[in-house]
Amino acid sequence: MGIIWTIIIGFLAGVVAKFLMPGDNEPSGFIMTTILGIVGAFVATFLGQALGWYGPNQGAGFIGAVVGAIVVLLIYGFIANRSRSTSL
């Protein structure tokens, strides 16, 4: 049940992160944004457990998942912009 909850929270966090991030740094598609939000929730859960913020069976909270999603979206935007500029 923990993985399903993380996916649901990550989906919502991806949607919120898309609205919080202005400009061209965000992925163009809704599906890609939500997938990166889910990845961000998993990253936030892993880092939170590694740092002792969450217990072994606890997932990241909504705010942690949004922060993780924003970080993943920023990294993705940086990599996507970099690859676009080198391919021109």
PDB file of N, CA and C in Angstrom:
ATOM      1  N   MET A   1       0.819  -1.193   0.000  1.00  0.00           N
ATOM      2  CA  MET A   1       0.000   0.000   0.000  1.00  0.00           C
ATOM      3  C   MET A   1       0.866   1.261   0.000  1.00  0.00           C
ATOM      4  N   GLY A   2       2.071   1.191   0.556  1.00  0.00           N
ATOM      5  CA  GLY A   2       2.951   2.345   0.606  1.00  0.00           C
ATOM      6  C   GLY A   2       3.366   2.827  -0.768  1.00  0.00           C
ATOM      7  N   ILE A   3       3.621   1.905  -1.681  1.00  0.00           N
ATOM      8  CA  ILE A   3       4.029   2.279  -3.037  1.00  0.00           C
ATOM      9  C   ILE A   3       2.869   2.942  -3.775  1.00  0.00           C
ATOM     10  N   ILE A   4       1.666   2.409  -3.605  1.00  0.00           N
ATOM     11  CA  ILE A   4       0.498   3.001  -4.255  1.00  0.00           C
ATOM     12  C   ILE A   4       0.250   4.411  -3.729  1.00  0.00           C
ATOM     13  N   TRP A   5       0.392   4.588  -2.420  1.00  0.00           N
ATOM     14  CA  TRP A   5       0.210   5.907  -1.824  1.00  0.00           C
ATOM     15  C   TRP A   5       1.261   6.885  -2.353  1.00  0.00           C
ATOM     16  N   THR A   6       2.500   6.438  -2.491  1.00  0.00           N
ATOM     17  CA  THR A   6       3.560   7.289  -3.029  1.00  0.00           C
ATOM     18  C   THR A   6       3.254   7.682  -4.470  1.00  0.00           C
ATOM     19  N   ILE A   7       2.712   6.765  -5.260  1.00  0.00           N
ATOM     20  CA  ILE A   7       2.355   7.069  -6.642  1.00  0.00           C
ATOM     21  C   ILE A   7       1.236   8.105  -6.695  1.00  0.00           C
ATOM     22  N   ILE A   8       0.231   7.959  -5.839  1.00  0.00           N
ATOM     23  CA  ILE A   8      -0.882   8.916  -5.811  1.00  0.00           C
ATOM     24  C   ILE A   8      -0.387  10.297  -5.385  1.00  0.00           C
ATOM     25  N   ILE A   9       0.403  10.336  -4.318  1.00  0.00           N
ATOM     26  CA  ILE A   9       0.959  11.604  -3.845  1.00  0.00           C
ATOM     27  C   ILE A   9       1.873  12.200  -4.911  1.00  0.00           C
ATOM     28  N   GLY A  10       2.671  11.371  -5.571  1.00  0.00           N
ATOM     29  CA  GLY A  10       3.562  11.849  -6.635  1.00  0.00           C
ATOM     30  C   GLY A  10       2.805  12.415  -7.816  1.00  0.00           C
ATOM     31  N   PHE A  11       1.691  11.790  -8.153  1.00  0.00           N
ATOM     32  CA  PHE A  11       0.854  12.298  -9.236  1.00  0.00           C
ATOM     33  C   PHE A  11       0.350  13.695  -8.899  1.00  0.00           C
ATOM     34  N   LEU A  12      -0.184  13.847  -7.709  1.00  0.00           N
ATOM     35  CA  LEU A  12      -0.691  15.157  -7.280  1.00  0.00           C
ATOM     36  C   LEU A  12       0.448  16.175  -7.151  1.00  0.00           C
ATOM     37  N   ALA A  13       1.585  15.724  -6.647  1.00  0.00           N
ATOM     38  CA  ALA A  13       2.741  16.614  -6.504  1.00  0.00           C
ATOM     39  C   ALA A  13       3.243  17.071  -7.873  1.00  0.00           C
ATOM     40  N   GLY A  14       3.210  16.207  -8.863  1.00  0.00           N
ATOM     41  CA  GLY A  14       3.616  16.586 -10.217  1.00  0.00           C
ATOM     42  C   GLY A  14       2.709  17.646 -10.802  1.00  0.00           C
ATOM     43  N   VAL A  15       1.418  17.521 -10.546  1.00  0.00           N
ATOM     44  CA  VAL A  15       0.470  18.524 -11.036  1.00  0.00           C
ATOM     45  C   VAL A  15       0.727  19.870 -10.358  1.00  0.00           C
ATOM     46  N   VAL A  16       0.912  19.852  -9.036  1.00  0.00           N
ATOM     47  CA  VAL A  16       1.173  21.083  -8.299  1.00  0.00           C
ATOM     48  C   VAL A  16       2.503  21.689  -8.735  1.00  0.00           C
ATOM     49  N   ALA A  17       3.531  20.858  -8.905  1.00  0.00           N
ATOM     50  CA  ALA A  17       4.848  21.348  -9.305  1.00  0.00           C
ATOM     51  C   ALA A  17       4.794  21.997 -10.689  1.00  0.00           C
ATOM     52  N   LYS A  18       3.983  21.456 -11.583  1.00  0.00           N
ATOM     53  CA  LYS A  18       3.850  22.041 -12.923  1.00  0.00           C
ATOM     54  C   LYS A  18       3.274  23.453 -12.830  1.00  0.00           C
ATOM     55  N   PHE A  19       2.308  23.658 -11.935  1.00  0.00           N
ATOM     56  CA  PHE A  19       1.724  24.984 -11.780  1.00  0.00           C
ATOM     57  C   PHE A  19       2.648  25.944 -11.043  1.00  0.00           C
ATOM     58  N   LEU A  20       3.525  25.434 -10.195  1.00  0.00           N
ATOM     59  CA  LEU A  20       4.436  26.288  -9.435  1.00  0.00           C
ATOM     60  C   LEU A  20       5.653  26.714 -10.231  1.00  0.00           C
ATOM     61  N   MET A  21       6.002  25.956 -11.268  1.00  0.00           N
ATOM     62  CA  MET A  21       7.208  26.244 -12.050  1.00  0.00           C
ATOM     63  C   MET A  21       6.845  27.026 -13.304  1.00  0.00           C
ATOM     64  N   PRO A  22       7.159  28.311 -13.338  1.00  0.00           N
ATOM     65  CA  PRO A  22       6.867  29.088 -14.544  1.00  0.00           C
ATOM     66  C   PRO A  22       7.952  28.897 -15.600  1.00  0.00           C
ATOM     67  N   GLY A  23       7.641  29.307 -16.819  1.00  0.00           N
ATOM     68  CA  GLY A  23       8.656  29.349 -17.868  1.00  0.00           C
ATOM     69  C   GLY A  23       8.751  28.081 -18.679  1.00  0.00           C
ATOM     70  N   ASP A  24       9.864  27.996 -19.403  1.00  0.00           N
ATOM     71  CA  ASP A  24      10.088  26.897 -20.339  1.00  0.00           C
ATOM     72  C   ASP A  24      10.831  25.729 -19.729  1.00  0.00           C
ATOM     73  N   ASN A  25      11.082  25.738 -18.431  1.00  0.00           N
ATOM     74  CA  ASN A  25      11.854  24.667 -17.810  1.00  0.00           C
ATOM     75  C   ASN A  25      11.034  23.418 -17.536  1.00  0.00           C
ATOM     76  N   GLU A  26       9.767  23.464 -17.823  1.00  0.00           N
ATOM     77  CA  GLU A  26       8.936  22.322 -17.490  1.00  0.00           C
ATOM     78  C   GLU A  26       8.703  21.456 -18.724  1.00  0.00           C
ATOM     79  N   PRO A  27       8.477  20.172 -18.505  1.00  0.00           N
ATOM     80  CA  PRO A  27       8.172  19.294 -19.631  1.00  0.00           C
ATOM     81  C   PRO A  27       6.850  19.708 -20.269  1.00  0.00           C
ATOM     82  N   SER A  28       6.713  19.464 -21.552  1.00  0.00           N
ATOM     83  CA  SER A  28       5.554  19.970 -22.266  1.00  0.00           C
ATOM     84  C   SER A  28       4.283  19.172 -21.992  1.00  0.00           C
ATOM     85  N   GLY A  29       4.388  17.902 -21.761  1.00  0.00           N
ATOM     86  CA  GLY A  29       3.200  17.081 -21.631  1.00  0.00           C
ATOM     87  C   GLY A  29       2.763  16.834 -20.200  1.00  0.00           C
ATOM     88  N   PHE A  30       1.463  16.697 -20.031  1.00  0.00           N
ATOM     89  CA  PHE A  30       0.892  16.428 -18.717  1.00  0.00           C
ATOM     90  C   PHE A  30       1.354  15.073 -18.192  1.00  0.00           C
ATOM     91  N   ILE A  31       1.394  14.085 -19.059  1.00  0.00           N
ATOM     92  CA  ILE A  31       1.791  12.736 -18.633  1.00  0.00           C
ATOM     93  C   ILE A  31       3.245  12.724 -18.178  1.00  0.00           C
ATOM     94  N   MET A  32       4.117  13.402 -18.931  1.00  0.00           N
ATOM     95  CA  MET A  32       5.529  13.449 -18.553  1.00  0.00           C
ATOM     96  C   MET A  32       5.708  14.164 -17.222  1.00  0.00           C
ATOM     97  N   THR A  33       4.949  15.239 -17.015  1.00  0.00           N
ATOM     98  CA  THR A  33       5.042  15.978 -15.768  1.00  0.00           C
ATOM     99  C   THR A  33       4.601  15.119 -14.585  1.00  0.00           C
ATOM    100  N   THR A  34       3.517  14.374 -14.745  1.00  0.00           N
ATOM    101  CA  THR A  34       3.053  13.535 -13.640  1.00  0.00           C
ATOM    102  C   THR A  34       4.008  12.372 -13.393  1.00  0.00           C
ATOM    103  N   ILE A  35       4.600  11.836 -14.437  1.00  0.00           N
ATOM    104  CA  ILE A  35       5.594  10.768 -14.248  1.00  0.00           C
ATOM    105  C   ILE A  35       6.793  11.303 -13.478  1.00  0.00           C
ATOM    106  N   LEU A  36       7.255  12.499 -13.845  1.00  0.00           N
ATOM    107  CA  LEU A  36       8.370  13.098 -13.121  1.00  0.00           C
ATOM    108  C   LEU A  36       7.967  13.458 -11.690  1.00  0.00           C
ATOM    109  N   GLY A  37       6.706  13.791 -11.481  1.00  0.00           N
ATOM    110  CA  GLY A  37       6.218  14.019 -10.120  1.00  0.00           C
ATOM    111  C   GLY A  37       6.243  12.755  -9.282  1.00  0.00           C
ATOM    112  N   ILE A  38       5.884  11.643  -9.888  1.00  0.00           N
ATOM    113  CA  ILE A  38       5.942  10.347  -9.192  1.00  0.00           C
ATOM    114  C   ILE A  38       7.386   9.996  -8.869  1.00  0.00           C
ATOM    115  N   VAL A  39       8.288  10.239  -9.827  1.00  0.00           N
ATOM    116  CA  VAL A  39       9.713  10.002  -9.577  1.00  0.00           C
ATOM    117  C   VAL A  39      10.197  10.894  -8.441  1.00  0.00           C
ATOM    118  N   GLY A  40       9.755  12.142  -8.431  1.00  0.00           N
ATOM    119  CA  GLY A  40      10.130  13.066  -7.365  1.00  0.00           C
ATOM    120  C   GLY A  40       9.640  12.607  -6.003  1.00  0.00           C
ATOM    121  N   ALA A  41       8.445  12.029  -5.949  1.00  0.00           N
ATOM    122  CA  ALA A  41       7.928  11.512  -4.680  1.00  0.00           C
ATOM    123  C   ALA A  41       8.761  10.327  -4.206  1.00  0.00           C
ATOM    124  N   PHE A  42       9.168   9.472  -5.130  1.00  0.00           N
ATOM    125  CA  PHE A  42      10.022   8.348  -4.748  1.00  0.00           C
ATOM    126  C   PHE A  42      11.397   8.828  -4.285  1.00  0.00           C
ATOM    127  N   VAL A  43      11.929   9.849  -4.971  1.00  0.00           N
ATOM    128  CA  VAL A  43      13.219  10.412  -4.557  1.00  0.00           C
ATOM    129  C   VAL A  43      13.103  11.027  -3.168  1.00  0.00           C
ATOM    130  N   ALA A  44      12.025  11.778  -2.928  1.00  0.00           N
ATOM    131  CA  ALA A  44      11.819  12.396  -1.618  1.00  0.00           C
ATOM    132  C   ALA A  44      11.649  11.339  -0.534  1.00  0.00           C
ATOM    133  N   THR A  45      10.961  10.256  -0.846  1.00  0.00           N
ATOM    134  CA  THR A  45      10.789   9.172   0.120  1.00  0.00           C
ATOM    135  C   THR A  45      12.127   8.520   0.434  1.00  0.00           C
ATOM    136  N   PHE A  46      12.905   8.224  -0.611  1.00  0.00           N
ATOM    137  CA  PHE A  46      14.209   7.585  -0.413  1.00  0.00           C
ATOM    138  C   PHE A  46      15.139   8.471   0.400  1.00  0.00           C
ATOM    139  N   LEU A  47      15.237   9.751   0.004  1.00  0.00           N
ATOM    140  CA  LEU A  47      16.128  10.662   0.728  1.00  0.00           C
ATOM    141  C   LEU A  47      15.648  10.888   2.159  1.00  0.00           C
ATOM    142  N   GLY A  48      14.349  11.009   2.343  1.00  0.00           N
ATOM    143  CA  GLY A  48      13.811  11.202   3.688  1.00  0.00           C
ATOM    144  C   GLY A  48      14.088  10.008   4.593  1.00  0.00           C
ATOM    145  N   GLN A  49      13.986   8.803   4.050  1.00  0.00           N
ATOM    146  CA  GLN A  49      14.294   7.606   4.833  1.00  0.00           C
ATOM    147  C   GLN A  49      15.784   7.509   5.096  1.00  0.00           C
ATOM    148  N   ALA A  50      16.612   7.888   4.118  1.00  0.00           N
ATOM    149  CA  ALA A  50      18.063   7.826   4.298  1.00  0.00           C
ATOM    150  C   ALA A  50      18.542   8.838   5.335  1.00  0.00           C
ATOM    151  N   LEU A  51      17.888   9.989   5.393  1.00  0.00           N
ATOM    152  CA  LEU A  51      18.278  11.021   6.351  1.00  0.00           C
ATOM    153  C   LEU A  51      17.601  10.855   7.708  1.00  0.00           C
ATOM    154  N   GLY A  52      16.694   9.887   7.822  1.00  0.00           N
ATOM    155  CA  GLY A  52      16.033   9.629   9.094  1.00  0.00           C
ATOM    156  C   GLY A  52      14.804  10.484   9.333  1.00  0.00           C
ATOM    157  N   TRP A  53      14.333  11.201   8.316  1.00  0.00           N
ATOM    158  CA  TRP A  53      13.139  12.021   8.478  1.00  0.00           C
ATOM    159  C   TRP A  53      11.883  11.169   8.485  1.00  0.00           C
ATOM    160  N   TYR A  54      11.898  10.060   7.764  1.00  0.00           N
ATOM    161  CA  TYR A  54      10.768   9.144   7.682  1.00  0.00           C
ATOM    162  C   TYR A  54      11.206   7.774   8.171  1.00  0.00           C
ATOM    163  N   GLY A  55      10.248   7.013   8.686  1.00  0.00           N
ATOM    164  CA  GLY A  55      10.534   5.660   9.120  1.00  0.00           C
ATOM    165  C   GLY A  55      10.675   4.724   7.929  1.00  0.00           C
ATOM    166  N   PRO A  56      11.028   3.456   8.190  1.00  0.00           N
ATOM    167  CA  PRO A  56      11.252   2.507   7.092  1.00  0.00           C
ATOM    168  C   PRO A  56      10.027   2.289   6.201  1.00  0.00           C
ATOM    169  N   ASN A  57       8.834   2.359   6.764  1.00  0.00           N
ATOM    170  CA  ASN A  57       7.630   2.116   5.975  1.00  0.00           C
ATOM    171  C   ASN A  57       6.841   3.391   5.714  1.00  0.00           C
ATOM    172  N   GLN A  58       7.439   4.537   5.947  1.00  0.00           N
ATOM    173  CA  GLN A  58       6.770   5.805   5.723  1.00  0.00           C
ATOM    174  C   GLN A  58       7.174   6.387   4.385  1.00  0.00           C
ATOM    175  N   GLY A  59       6.231   7.018   3.730  1.00  0.00           N
ATOM    176  CA  GLY A  59       6.529   7.717   2.493  1.00  0.00           C
ATOM    177  C   GLY A  59       6.658   9.197   2.752  1.00  0.00           C
ATOM    178  N   ALA A  60       7.087   9.901   1.735  1.00  0.00           N
ATOM    179  CA  ALA A  60       7.214  11.350   1.858  1.00  0.00           C
ATOM    180  C   ALA A  60       5.834  11.963   1.976  1.00  0.00           C
ATOM    181  N   GLY A  61       5.742  13.021   2.734  1.00  0.00           N
ATOM    182  CA  GLY A  61       4.498  13.763   2.822  1.00  0.00           C
ATOM    183  C   GLY A  61       4.262  14.546   1.549  1.00  0.00           C
ATOM    184  N   PHE A  62       3.140  15.223   1.488  1.00  0.00           N
ATOM    185  CA  PHE A  62       2.786  15.941   0.272  1.00  0.00           C
ATOM    186  C   PHE A  62       3.778  17.056  -0.029  1.00  0.00           C
ATOM    187  N   ILE A  63       4.182  17.802   0.978  1.00  0.00           N
ATOM    188  CA  ILE A  63       5.121  18.903   0.758  1.00  0.00           C
ATOM    189  C   ILE A  63       6.480  18.363   0.312  1.00  0.00           C
ATOM    190  N   GLY A  64       6.941  17.291   0.941  1.00  0.00           N
ATOM    191  CA  GLY A  64       8.196  16.673   0.533  1.00  0.00           C
ATOM    192  C   GLY A  64       8.132  16.155  -0.888  1.00  0.00           C
ATOM    193  N   ALA A  65       6.982  15.586  -1.265  1.00  0.00           N
ATOM    194  CA  ALA A  65       6.821  15.083  -2.625  1.00  0.00           C
ATOM    195  C   ALA A  65       6.803  16.224  -3.638  1.00  0.00           C
ATOM    196  N   VAL A  66       6.178  17.349  -3.278  1.00  0.00           N
ATOM    197  CA  VAL A  66       6.169  18.501  -4.186  1.00  0.00           C
ATOM    198  C   VAL A  66       7.580  19.037  -4.361  1.00  0.00           C
ATOM    199  N   VAL A  67       8.323  19.136  -3.274  1.00  0.00           N
ATOM    200  CA  VAL A  67       9.718  19.605  -3.371  1.00  0.00           C
ATOM    201  C   VAL A  67      10.536  18.630  -4.226  1.00  0.00           C
ATOM    202  N   GLY A  68      10.373  17.336  -4.001  1.00  0.00           N
ATOM    203  CA  GLY A  68      11.070  16.340  -4.818  1.00  0.00           C
ATOM    204  C   GLY A  68      10.686  16.434  -6.281  1.00  0.00           C
ATOM    205  N   ALA A  69       9.395  16.663  -6.555  1.00  0.00           N
ATOM    206  CA  ALA A  69       8.941  16.791  -7.938  1.00  0.00           C
ATOM    207  C   ALA A  69       9.524  18.040  -8.592  1.00  0.00           C
ATOM    208  N   ILE A  70       9.586  19.143  -7.855  1.00  0.00           N
ATOM    209  CA  ILE A  70      10.162  20.371  -8.403  1.00  0.00           C
ATOM    210  C   ILE A  70      11.638  20.165  -8.731  1.00  0.00           C
ATOM    211  N   VAL A  71      12.349  19.488  -7.838  1.00  0.00           N
ATOM    212  CA  VAL A  71      13.769  19.223  -8.083  1.00  0.00           C
ATOM    213  C   VAL A  71      13.948  18.354  -9.327  1.00  0.00           C
ATOM    214  N   VAL A  72      13.151  17.312  -9.447  1.00  0.00           N
ATOM    215  CA  VAL A  72      13.252  16.427 -10.619  1.00  0.00           C
ATOM    216  C   VAL A  72      12.865  17.179 -11.884  1.00  0.00           C
ATOM    217  N   LEU A  73      11.830  18.026 -11.815  1.00  0.00           N
ATOM    218  CA  LEU A  73      11.431  18.808 -12.987  1.00  0.00           C
ATOM    219  C   LEU A  73      12.509  19.807 -13.389  1.00  0.00           C
ATOM    220  N   LEU A  74      13.163  20.420 -12.412  1.00  0.00           N
ATOM    221  CA  LEU A  74      14.255  21.346 -12.727  1.00  0.00           C
ATOM    222  C   LEU A  74      15.417  20.619 -13.394  1.00  0.00           C
ATOM    223  N   ILE A  75      15.777  19.456 -12.862  1.00  0.00           N
ATOM    224  CA  ILE A  75      16.869  18.676 -13.449  1.00  0.00           C
ATOM    225  C   ILE A  75      16.500  18.237 -14.866  1.00  0.00           C
ATOM    226  N   TYR A  76      15.275  17.772 -15.044  1.00  0.00           N
ATOM    227  CA  TYR A  76      14.822  17.355 -16.370  1.00  0.00           C
ATOM    228  C   TYR A  76      14.832  18.533 -17.345  1.00  0.00           C
ATOM    229  N   GLY A  77      14.339  19.703 -16.890  1.00  0.00           N
ATOM    230  CA  GLY A  77      14.338  20.882 -17.750  1.00  0.00           C
ATOM    231  C   GLY A  77      15.736  21.307 -18.138  1.00  0.00           C
ATOM    232  N   PHE A  78      16.663  21.228 -17.189  1.00  0.00           N
ATOM    233  CA  PHE A  78      18.053  21.589 -17.483  1.00  0.00           C
ATOM    234  C   PHE A  78      18.651  20.644 -18.517  1.00  0.00           C
ATOM    235  N   ILE A  79      18.433  19.350 -18.338  1.00  0.00           N
ATOM    236  CA  ILE A  79      18.976  18.361 -19.276  1.00  0.00           C
ATOM    237  C   ILE A  79      18.312  18.491 -20.636  1.00  0.00           C
ATOM    238  N   ALA A  80      16.999  18.702 -20.669  1.00  0.00           N
ATOM    239  CA  ALA A  80      16.280  18.814 -21.951  1.00  0.00           C
ATOM    240  C   ALA A  80      16.716  20.080 -22.689  1.00  0.00           C
ATOM    241  N   ASN A  81      16.872  21.190 -21.971  1.00  0.00           N
ATOM    242  CA  ASN A  81      17.312  22.428 -22.634  1.00  0.00           C
ATOM    243  C   ASN A  81      18.732  22.311 -23.136  1.00  0.00           C
ATOM    244  N   ARG A  82      19.549  21.628 -22.392  1.00  0.00           N
ATOM    245  CA  ARG A  82      20.948  21.454 -22.788  1.00  0.00           C
ATOM    246  C   ARG A  82      21.047  20.593 -24.044  1.00  0.00           C
ATOM    247  N   SER A  83      20.253  19.522 -24.115  1.00  0.00           N
ATOM    248  CA  SER A  83      20.311  18.654 -25.291  1.00  0.00           C
ATOM    249  C   SER A  83      19.708  19.336 -26.503  1.00  0.00           C
ATOM    250  N   ARG A  84      18.702  20.197 -26.311  1.00  0.00           N
ATOM    251  CA  ARG A  84      18.133  20.933 -27.425  1.00  0.00           C
ATOM    252  C   ARG A  84      19.112  21.950 -27.993  1.00  0.00           C
ATOM    253  N   SER A  85      19.868  22.608 -27.107  1.00  0.00           N
ATOM    254  CA  SER A  85      20.803  23.628 -27.580  1.00  0.00           C
ATOM    255  C   SER A  85      22.019  23.019 -28.276  1.00  0.00           C
ATOM    256  N   THR A  86      22.403  21.812 -27.918  1.00  0.00           N
ATOM    257  CA  THR A  86      23.547  21.184 -28.583  1.00  0.00           C
ATOM    258  C   THR A  86      23.145  20.541 -29.899  1.00  0.00           C
ATOM    259  N   SER A  87      21.861  20.211 -30.085  1.00  0.00           N
ATOM    260  CA  SER A  87      21.450  19.563 -31.310  1.00  0.00           C
ATOM    261  C   SER A  87      21.120  20.565 -32.403  1.00  0.00           C
ATOM    262  N   LEU A  88      21.048  21.845 -32.078  1.00  0.00           N
ATOM    263  CA  LEU A  88      20.747  22.846 -33.106  1.00  0.00           C
ATOM    264  C   LEU A  88      21.901  23.072 -33.958  1.00  0.00           C
TER     265      LEU A  88
END
